Amino acid sequence: MTPRAFAARFFRDPVAVFAGLLLLSLIVLAMLAPFLAPQNPYDPMQIDIMDSELPPVWIDGGEDRFLFGTDTQGRGILSTVMYGMGVSLLIGLGAVAVQAFLGITFGMLAGFYGGWIDSFLMRLADIQLSLSTLMVAIIALAIFQAALGPGAYADLALYMLILVIGIAEWPQYARTVRANVLVEKKKEYVDAARLTGMPSSRIMLRHILPNTLTPLLVISTIQVANAIVSEAALSFLGLGMPVNRPSLGSLIRSGFENVFSGQWWITAIPAIVLVILILAINLLGDWLRDTLNPKLYKGR
């Protein structure tokens, strides 16, 4: 499919356009948070504890300085959500990069060489798939937190979340890549490359891998949403980002105990933003799946 045809299909689908614009807006807000946010929630000099638990501006007692109110520390909810969304997106994209690297590598090796390599890697994938992502992540992060201590863990939490979530989800890529490689390696262009004496690694990277990218694009879109949700769940359980560098999940957790005290906005607004972010990513993922699959697209 040419880029022009791809763009034409995108702009003809109102749901895809809506999801794309919504996701783009959220990404821009997250990336430009240091310049657009009314307050830097990481800077203690900009936080006043006397401003804590102020309601949103449309509720009696709210102030124009804080559109969505403040949390228990006096940080503006709008500012923390903008900064937290950037952290969540960074974890989601980083985890998918780890998943893709491991999954593509193992999937290519299993599909191309077969034999005991294929059996070993696929049984490893089966074991991994039999364990839920959250269960693996909870065990691993709890061990790291106990070993490193709260202070050191807080400094490394971002990287630990990326690695743990990424390692837990690589079989999704590996199975897809392996299935495509099994089909592609039997085609004539691969035989021709072998006859020229091209090494196997070059055949996999230059010839086979480009022909497996279409399904990987769809998987990556969906996996970004899954990684963000996993991070939010882990942060809610206290194994994610520290309070002084909030993600959407840690923001939801920090205000959860105040829900029944009347300060519902501390948890509700980050939760709503998380739902909107995941919805936009999933809508785009569904559109990509339907568009890049000719059989599905013709039926629409």
Foldseek 3Di string as FASTA:
>chain_A
DDPVVVVVVQVVDVLSVVLVVLLVVLVVLLVCLVPPPLAALLDPVRADQVQALQAAPVDPRHDPSARHGHHNRRHRLSSLLSPQANLLLVLLLLLLVLLQVVQLVLLLCCQPVPDPSVVVSVVVLVVLVVDDLLVQLVVVLVVVCVVLDVVRCQVCQSVSLSVSSNVSRNSVSSVLSSVQSNVVCPDDVVVVCVVVVNDPVCCCPPPRVVVSVLVVVLVSLLSSLVSSVSQLVCLLVVSHHDPSRHHLSVQLNSCVVCCVVPSVSSNVVSVVVSVSNSVSSVSNSVVSVQVSDVVNVVVD
